[in-house]
C-alpha atoms as a PDB file:
ATOM      1  CA  MET A   1      96.541 -18.722-127.508  1.00  0.00           C
ATOM      2  CA  PHE A   2      94.797 -18.750-130.699  1.00  0.00           C
ATOM      3  CA  GLU A   3      96.800 -21.317-131.709  1.00  0.00           C
ATOM      4  CA  ALA A   4      94.954 -23.016-128.968  1.00  0.00           C
ATOM      5  CA  ILE A   5      91.516 -21.664-130.239  1.00  0.00           C
ATOM      6  CA  VAL A   6      92.246 -22.193-133.509  1.00  0.00           C
ATOM      7  CA  ARG A   7      92.094 -26.156-132.129  1.00  0.00           C
ATOM      8  CA  ARG A   8      89.220 -26.336-130.328  1.00  0.00           C
ATOM      9  CA  PRO A   9      86.238 -28.283-131.633  1.00  0.00           C
ATOM     10  CA  MET A  10      83.230 -26.221-133.038  1.00  0.00           C
ATOM     11  CA  ALA A  11      81.844 -27.161-130.070  1.00  0.00           C
ATOM     12  CA  TRP A  12      84.310 -25.773-127.989  1.00  0.00           C
ATOM     13  CA  PHE A  13      82.915 -21.517-129.625  1.00  0.00           C
ATOM     14  CA  ASP A  14      79.480 -22.412-128.391  1.00  0.00           C
ATOM     15  CA  VAL A  15      80.503 -22.337-124.628  1.00  0.00           C
ATOM     16  CA  PRO A  16      78.641 -18.229-124.253  1.00  0.00           C
ATOM     17  CA  GLU A  17      82.311 -17.704-122.507  1.00  0.00           C
ATOM     18  CA  HIS A  18      84.100 -19.053-125.861  1.00  0.00           C
ATOM     19  CA  SER A  19      82.222 -16.446-128.318  1.00  0.00           C
ATOM     20  CA  THR A  20      83.957 -14.738-130.133  1.00  0.00           C
ATOM     21  CA  GLY A  21      83.283 -11.548-128.527  1.00  0.00           C
ATOM     22  CA  GLU A  22      84.450 -12.478-125.820  1.00  0.00           C
ATOM     23  CA  LEU A  23      87.661 -14.378-127.094  1.00  0.00           C
ATOM     24  CA  THR A  24      89.265 -10.828-129.477  1.00  0.00           C
ATOM     25  CA  THR A  25      88.395  -8.851-126.499  1.00  0.00           C
ATOM     26  CA  ARG A  26      90.797 -11.552-124.555  1.00  0.00           C
ATOM     27  CA  LEU A  27      93.604 -11.381-127.452  1.00  0.00           C
ATOM     28  CA  GLU A  28      93.875  -7.506-127.619  1.00  0.00           C
ATOM     29  CA  GLY A  29      93.261  -6.984-124.275  1.00  0.00           C
ATOM     30  CA  ASP A  30      94.961  -9.379-122.162  1.00  0.00           C
ATOM     31  CA  ALA A  31      98.411  -9.864-124.676  1.00  0.00           C
ATOM     32  CA  GLU A  32      98.320  -6.403-123.817  1.00  0.00           C
ATOM     33  CA  ALA A  33      98.062  -6.508-119.854  1.00  0.00           C
ATOM     34  CA  VAL A  34     100.705  -9.344-120.068  1.00  0.00           C
ATOM     35  CA  ALA A  35     102.601  -6.460-122.135  1.00  0.00           C
ATOM     36  CA  LYS A  36     102.838  -4.006-119.338  1.00  0.00           C
ATOM     37  CA  VAL A  37     104.117  -6.009-116.712  1.00  0.00           C
ATOM     38  CA  THR A  38     107.119  -9.007-119.014  1.00  0.00           C
ATOM     39  CA  GLY A  39     107.983  -5.631-120.957  1.00  0.00           C
ATOM     40  CA  TRP A  40     109.659  -1.608-120.311  1.00  0.00           C
ATOM     41  CA  ALA A  41     107.752  -1.844-116.382  1.00  0.00           C
ATOM     42  CA  LEU A  42     109.170  -4.659-115.487  1.00  0.00           C
ATOM     43  CA  GLY A  43     112.851  -2.899-116.433  1.00  0.00           C
ATOM     44  CA  TYR A  44     111.746  -0.147-114.348  1.00  0.00           C
ATOM     45  CA  ARG A  45     111.005  -0.448-111.961  1.00  0.00           C
ATOM     46  CA  ILE A  46     113.611  -2.490-111.176  1.00  0.00           C
ATOM     47  CA  GLN A  47     115.146   0.451-112.862  1.00  0.00           C
ATOM     48  CA  VAL A  48     113.845   2.032-109.397  1.00  0.00           C
ATOM     49  CA  PHE A  49     114.629  -0.128-106.694  1.00  0.00           C
ATOM     50  CA  VAL A  50     118.170  -0.564-107.989  1.00  0.00           C
ATOM     51  CA  CYS A  51     118.187   3.187-107.533  1.00  0.00           C
ATOM     52  CA  LEU A  52     117.542   2.962-104.285  1.00  0.00           C
ATOM     53  CA  LEU A  53     119.080   0.633-103.214  1.00  0.00           C
ATOM     54  CA  THR A  54     122.511   2.497-104.349  1.00  0.00           C
ATOM     55  CA  GLY A  55     121.058   5.739-102.607  1.00  0.00           C
ATOM     56  CA  VAL A  56     120.813   3.404 -99.044  1.00  0.00           C
ATOM     57  CA  ILE A  57     124.841   2.715 -99.476  1.00  0.00           C
ATOM     58  CA  ILE A  58     125.769   6.129-100.740  1.00  0.00           C
ATOM     59  CA  SER A  59     124.050   6.927 -97.875  1.00  0.00           C
ATOM     60  CA  LEU A  60     126.004   4.359 -95.349  1.00  0.00           C
ATOM     61  CA  ILE A  61     129.144   5.863 -97.160  1.00  0.00           C
ATOM     62  CA  PHE A  62     128.568   9.326 -96.086  1.00  0.00           C
ATOM     63  CA  ALA A  63     126.435   9.283 -92.721  1.00  0.00           C
ATOM     64  CA  TRP A  64     126.068   5.787 -92.292  1.00  0.00           C
ATOM     65  CA  GLN A  65     123.300   7.492 -89.663  1.00  0.00           C
ATOM     66  CA  VAL A  66     120.798   8.724 -91.750  1.00  0.00           C
ATOM     67  CA  GLY A  67     121.721   5.723 -94.166  1.00  0.00           C
ATOM     68  CA  LEU A  68     119.965   3.605 -90.940  1.00  0.00           C
ATOM     69  CA  ILE A  69     117.409   5.667 -90.291  1.00  0.00           C
ATOM     70  CA  ALA A  70     116.799   5.716 -94.644  1.00  0.00           C
ATOM     71  CA  ILE A  71     116.733   1.552 -94.566  1.00  0.00           C
ATOM     72  CA  ALA A  72     113.847   1.519 -91.861  1.00  0.00           C
ATOM     73  CA  CYS A  73     111.982   3.367 -93.720  1.00  0.00           C
ATOM     74  CA  ILE A  74     111.770   0.927 -95.945  1.00  0.00           C
ATOM     75  CA  PRO A  75     109.117  -0.993 -94.855  1.00  0.00           C
ATOM     76  CA  PHE A  76     106.946   2.068 -94.482  1.00  0.00           C
ATOM     77  CA  ILE A  77     107.027   2.768 -98.029  1.00  0.00           C
ATOM     78  CA  MET A  78     106.809  -0.051 -99.614  1.00  0.00           C
ATOM     79  CA  SER A  79     103.085  -0.649 -97.248  1.00  0.00           C
ATOM     80  CA  ALA A  80     101.251   0.991 -99.888  1.00  0.00           C
ATOM     81  CA  ALA A  81     101.951  -2.418-102.673  1.00  0.00           C
ATOM     82  CA  VAL A  82     101.278  -5.013 -99.803  1.00  0.00           C
ATOM     83  CA  ILE A  83      97.677  -2.549 -98.431  1.00  0.00           C
ATOM     84  CA  GLN A  84      97.212  -2.197-102.498  1.00  0.00           C
ATOM     85  CA  SER A  85      97.515  -5.923-103.404  1.00  0.00           C
ATOM     86  CA  ILE A  86      94.874  -7.069-100.332  1.00  0.00           C
ATOM     87  CA  CYS A  87      92.096  -4.529-101.640  1.00  0.00           C
ATOM     88  CA  LEU A  88      91.931  -6.117-104.763  1.00  0.00           C
ATOM     89  CA  SER A  89      93.199  -9.322-104.299  1.00  0.00           C
ATOM     90  CA  LYS A  90      88.647 -10.259-104.777  1.00  0.00           C
ATOM     91  CA  ARG A  91      88.205  -7.163-106.914  1.00  0.00           C
ATOM     92  CA  PHE A  92      89.775 -10.661-109.856  1.00  0.00           C
ATOM     93  CA  GLU A  93      87.526 -12.539-108.937  1.00  0.00           C
ATOM     94  CA  LEU A  94      85.205 -10.373-108.948  1.00  0.00           C
ATOM     95  CA  LYS A  95      85.713  -9.724-112.829  1.00  0.00           C
ATOM     96  CA  GLN A  96      85.340 -13.412-114.087  1.00  0.00           C
ATOM     97  CA  ALA A  97      81.976 -14.474-112.850  1.00  0.00           C
ATOM     98  CA  GLY A  98      79.248 -13.520-116.129  1.00  0.00           C
ATOM     99  CA  LEU A  99      79.682 -12.757-119.194  1.00  0.00           C
ATOM    100  CA  SER A 100      81.353  -9.315-120.122  1.00  0.00           C
ATOM    101  CA  PRO A 101      79.877  -6.636-122.078  1.00  0.00           C
ATOM    102  CA  ASN A 102      81.876  -7.574-124.726  1.00  0.00           C
ATOM    103  CA  THR A 103      79.734 -10.806-126.108  1.00  0.00           C
ATOM    104  CA  ILE A 104      76.704  -9.402-125.239  1.00  0.00           C
ATOM    105  CA  LEU A 105      77.982  -6.369-127.641  1.00  0.00           C
ATOM    106  CA  GLU A 106      78.988  -9.057-130.273  1.00  0.00           C
ATOM    107  CA  GLN A 107      75.797 -11.675-129.773  1.00  0.00           C
ATOM    108  CA  GLY A 108      73.222  -8.701-130.593  1.00  0.00           C
ATOM    109  CA  LEU A 109      75.275  -7.071-132.802  1.00  0.00           C
ATOM    110  CA  ARG A 110      75.977 -10.349-134.344  1.00  0.00           C
ATOM    111  CA  GLY A 111      71.766 -11.115-134.423  1.00  0.00           C
ATOM    112  CA  ILE A 112      70.958  -7.698-136.223  1.00  0.00           C
ATOM    113  CA  SER A 113      68.429  -8.768-138.017  1.00  0.00           C
ATOM    114  CA  ALA A 114      67.311 -10.754-135.535  1.00  0.00           C
ATOM    115  CA  VAL A 115      67.119  -8.305-133.059  1.00  0.00           C
ATOM    116  CA  GLN A 116      65.701  -5.737-134.963  1.00  0.00           C
ATOM    117  CA  ALA A 117      62.761  -8.594-136.306  1.00  0.00           C
ATOM    118  CA  TYR A 118      61.415  -9.703-133.250  1.00  0.00           C
ATOM    119  CA  GLY A 119      61.551  -6.029-131.726  1.00  0.00           C
ATOM    120  CA  ARG A 120      64.432  -6.956-129.014  1.00  0.00           C
ATOM    121  CA  GLU A 121      66.520  -3.518-129.112  1.00  0.00           C
ATOM    122  CA  ASP A 122      65.430  -2.214-125.698  1.00  0.00           C
ATOM    123  CA  ILE A 123      65.987  -5.602-124.268  1.00  0.00           C
ATOM    124  CA  THR A 124      69.387  -6.246-125.547  1.00  0.00           C
ATOM    125  CA  CYS A 125      70.307  -2.395-124.688  1.00  0.00           C
ATOM    126  CA  ASP A 126      68.930  -3.113-121.060  1.00  0.00           C
ATOM    127  CA  GLU A 127      70.935  -6.593-120.837  1.00  0.00           C
ATOM    128  CA  TYR A 128      74.753  -4.610-122.177  1.00  0.00           C
ATOM    129  CA  SER A 129      73.529  -2.028-119.862  1.00  0.00           C
ATOM    130  CA  LYS A 130      73.305  -4.026-116.675  1.00  0.00           C
ATOM    131  CA  ALA A 131      76.341  -6.095-118.343  1.00  0.00           C
ATOM    132  CA  LEU A 132      79.318  -2.511-117.421  1.00  0.00           C
ATOM    133  CA  GLU A 133      76.769  -1.972-113.947  1.00  0.00           C
ATOM    134  CA  PRO A 134      79.305  -4.505-111.766  1.00  0.00           C
ATOM    135  CA  GLU A 135      82.492  -3.264-113.684  1.00  0.00           C
ATOM    136  CA  TYR A 136      81.053   0.125-113.821  1.00  0.00           C
ATOM    137  CA  ALA A 137      81.383  -0.356-110.107  1.00  0.00           C
ATOM    138  CA  ASP A 138      84.514  -2.294-109.447  1.00  0.00           C
ATOM    139  CA  ASN A 139      85.636   0.078-111.801  1.00  0.00           C
ATOM    140  CA  VAL A 140      84.405   3.143-109.154  1.00  0.00           C
ATOM    141  CA  ARG A 141      86.012   1.492-106.450  1.00  0.00           C
ATOM    142  CA  GLU A 142      89.466   0.460-107.720  1.00  0.00           C
ATOM    143  CA  GLY A 143      89.508   4.238-108.307  1.00  0.00           C
ATOM    144  CA  LYS A 144      88.967   4.928-104.666  1.00  0.00           C
ATOM    145  CA  ILE A 145      91.649   1.886-103.122  1.00  0.00           C
ATOM    146  CA  ALA A 146      94.191   3.613-106.255  1.00  0.00           C
ATOM    147  CA  GLY A 147      94.014   7.097-104.641  1.00  0.00           C
ATOM    148  CA  PHE A 148      94.528   6.382-101.203  1.00  0.00           C
ATOM    149  CA  VAL A 149      96.667   4.262-102.220  1.00  0.00           C
ATOM    150  CA  TYR A 150      99.142   6.626-103.850  1.00  0.00           C
ATOM    151  CA  GLY A 151      97.983   9.522-100.805  1.00  0.00           C
ATOM    152  CA  PHE A 152      99.787   7.036 -98.609  1.00  0.00           C
ATOM    153  CA  SER A 153     103.000   6.472-100.429  1.00  0.00           C
ATOM    154  CA  GLN A 154     102.805   9.584-101.016  1.00  0.00           C
ATOM    155  CA  PHE A 155     102.695   9.622 -97.369  1.00  0.00           C
ATOM    156  CA  ALA A 156     105.591   7.378 -96.484  1.00  0.00           C
ATOM    157  CA  ILE A 157     107.974   8.694 -99.547  1.00  0.00           C
ATOM    158  CA  PHE A 158     107.934  13.143 -97.405  1.00  0.00           C
ATOM    159  CA  GLY A 159     106.702  11.828 -93.881  1.00  0.00           C
ATOM    160  CA  SER A 160     110.996   9.681 -94.706  1.00  0.00           C
ATOM    161  CA  PHE A 161     112.010  12.271 -95.510  1.00  0.00           C
ATOM    162  CA  ALA A 162     111.308  14.334 -92.939  1.00  0.00           C
ATOM    163  CA  ILE A 163     112.385  12.591 -90.365  1.00  0.00           C
ATOM    164  CA  LEU A 164     115.095  11.734 -92.544  1.00  0.00           C
ATOM    165  CA  PHE A 165     116.334  15.584 -92.393  1.00  0.00           C
ATOM    166  CA  TYR A 166     115.047  15.746 -88.601  1.00  0.00           C
ATOM    167  CA  VAL A 167     118.191  13.244 -88.490  1.00  0.00           C
ATOM    168  CA  GLY A 168     120.260  15.317 -89.652  1.00  0.00           C
ATOM    169  CA  SER A 169     120.056  18.873 -88.162  1.00  0.00           C
ATOM    170  CA  MET A 170     120.239  16.323 -85.140  1.00  0.00           C
ATOM    171  CA  LEU A 171     123.515  15.271 -86.077  1.00  0.00           C
ATOM    172  CA  LEU A 172     124.461  18.622 -87.562  1.00  0.00           C
ATOM    173  CA  VAL A 173     123.971  20.589 -84.231  1.00  0.00           C
ATOM    174  CA  SER A 174     125.992  17.841 -81.485  1.00  0.00           C
ATOM    175  CA  LYS A 175     128.736  17.921 -84.930  1.00  0.00           C
ATOM    176  CA  GLU A 176     128.461  13.823 -85.338  1.00  0.00           C
ATOM    177  CA  THR A 177     128.294  14.984 -89.688  1.00  0.00           C
ATOM    178  CA  ASP A 178     129.455  17.397 -91.299  1.00  0.00           C
ATOM    179  CA  PHE A 179     127.004  19.463 -93.964  1.00  0.00           C
ATOM    180  CA  VAL A 180     127.933  17.609 -97.585  1.00  0.00           C
ATOM    181  CA  GLY A 181     127.628  14.056 -95.702  1.00  0.00           C
ATOM    182  CA  PHE A 182     124.573  15.457 -94.262  1.00  0.00           C
ATOM    183  CA  PHE A 183     123.144  16.660 -97.536  1.00  0.00           C
ATOM    184  CA  THR A 184     124.270  14.389 -99.383  1.00  0.00           C
ATOM    185  CA  SER A 185     123.951  11.471 -97.273  1.00  0.00           C
ATOM    186  CA  VAL A 186     119.607  12.133 -97.777  1.00  0.00           C
ATOM    187  CA  LEU A 187     119.889  13.645-100.995  1.00  0.00           C
ATOM    188  CA  ALA A 188     121.241  10.445-102.560  1.00  0.00           C
ATOM    189  CA  VAL A 189     118.068   8.540-100.578  1.00  0.00           C
ATOM    190  CA  MET A 190     115.574  11.166-101.984  1.00  0.00           C
ATOM    191  CA  PHE A 191     116.173  10.721-105.956  1.00  0.00           C
ATOM    192  CA  GLY A 192     116.420   7.370-105.343  1.00  0.00           C
ATOM    193  CA  ALA A 193     113.259   6.807-103.518  1.00  0.00           C
ATOM    194  CA  LEU A 194     111.804   9.217-105.924  1.00  0.00           C
ATOM    195  CA  GLY A 195     110.306   6.208-108.392  1.00  0.00           C
ATOM    196  CA  ILE A 196     108.801   4.202-106.149  1.00  0.00           C
ATOM    197  CA  SER A 197     105.163   6.098-105.749  1.00  0.00           C
ATOM    198  CA  GLN A 198     105.120   5.235-109.232  1.00  0.00           C
ATOM    199  CA  VAL A 199     105.698   1.198-109.146  1.00  0.00           C
ATOM    200  CA  ASN A 200     103.000   2.110-106.418  1.00  0.00           C
ATOM    201  CA  ALA A 201     100.559   3.465-108.691  1.00  0.00           C
ATOM    202  CA  ASP A 202     101.252   1.303-111.520  1.00  0.00           C
ATOM    203  CA  PHE A 203      99.943  -1.640-109.580  1.00  0.00           C
ATOM    204  CA  ASN A 204      97.156  -2.399-110.784  1.00  0.00           C
ATOM    205  CA  ALA A 205      98.785  -2.340-114.095  1.00  0.00           C
ATOM    206  CA  GLN A 206     100.936  -5.501-112.867  1.00  0.00           C
ATOM    207  CA  GLN A 207      97.793  -7.237-111.192  1.00  0.00           C
ATOM    208  CA  ASP A 208      95.910  -6.699-113.719  1.00  0.00           C
ATOM    209  CA  GLY A 209      98.955  -8.319-116.732  1.00  0.00           C
ATOM    210  CA  LEU A 210      98.960 -11.509-113.620  1.00  0.00           C
ATOM    211  CA  ALA A 211      94.626 -12.341-114.015  1.00  0.00           C
ATOM    212  CA  ALA A 212      95.460 -11.778-117.812  1.00  0.00           C
ATOM    213  CA  ALA A 213      98.254 -14.254-117.786  1.00  0.00           C
ATOM    214  CA  ALA A 214      96.704 -16.362-115.991  1.00  0.00           C
ATOM    215  CA  ARG A 215      93.266 -16.043-118.918  1.00  0.00           C
ATOM    216  CA  ILE A 216      95.379 -17.525-121.067  1.00  0.00           C
ATOM    217  CA  PHE A 217      97.484 -20.082-119.910  1.00  0.00           C
ATOM    218  CA  LYS A 218      94.055 -21.250-118.998  1.00  0.00           C
ATOM    219  CA  ILE A 219      92.984 -21.388-122.457  1.00  0.00           C
ATOM    220  CA  VAL A 220      96.477 -22.162-124.092  1.00  0.00           C
ATOM    221  CA  ASP A 221      96.376 -25.693-120.917  1.00  0.00           C
ATOM    222  CA  GLU A 222      93.012 -26.930-121.221  1.00  0.00           C
ATOM    223  CA  PRO A 223      93.315 -30.757-122.564  1.00  0.00           C
ATOM    224  CA  LEU A 224      92.027 -30.697-126.149  1.00  0.00           C
ATOM    225  CA  ASP A 225      88.494 -32.927-126.888  1.00  0.00           C
ATOM    226  CA  ASP A 226      88.964 -35.794-129.086  1.00  0.00           C
END
């Protein structure tokens, strides 16, 4: 991305969206956001899903009835990620529009002499504050959605555990399974699903990384002007 930026013609930097503050913010923030998607976070998500799959297999071996109930509950647990993806899909479209606060800040500091000479301190501060308002409102909305989805994911996990224990207790009463098989099956599913809520909570970072990657490729793939 940096190589693509330094090869641009001078006129390319006259566009407000290509100001120094905007580009430096993208170089720092977008690279970090993409790293959260492709780095250790991706490996952690793979680890969680492999643990869940292993727990379901063990559950099927020791008590297949409990294992089948666990498989039926997995879509319910993962539905939180789907809901969050739908709710946040519009957010990234809104964040693309207009100048960022970083651009206004950079322009104001770079021309600080002109700002003071013409007495535009208050006007510049007001423009910066207005530029922060959409992002602030978006962050508040995002926090509410993330909190709701995280709570829903916790409810899905503990609700699934409640169903598993209920079914297991019925199997114990009817002597269709023994104590060791039941608890081995339930605990395998429980420990396998412990990280699912964290994956849902980290879903914002994944969406931020995908949006940052789109911005990076937009600059890299943009043809150079002659």
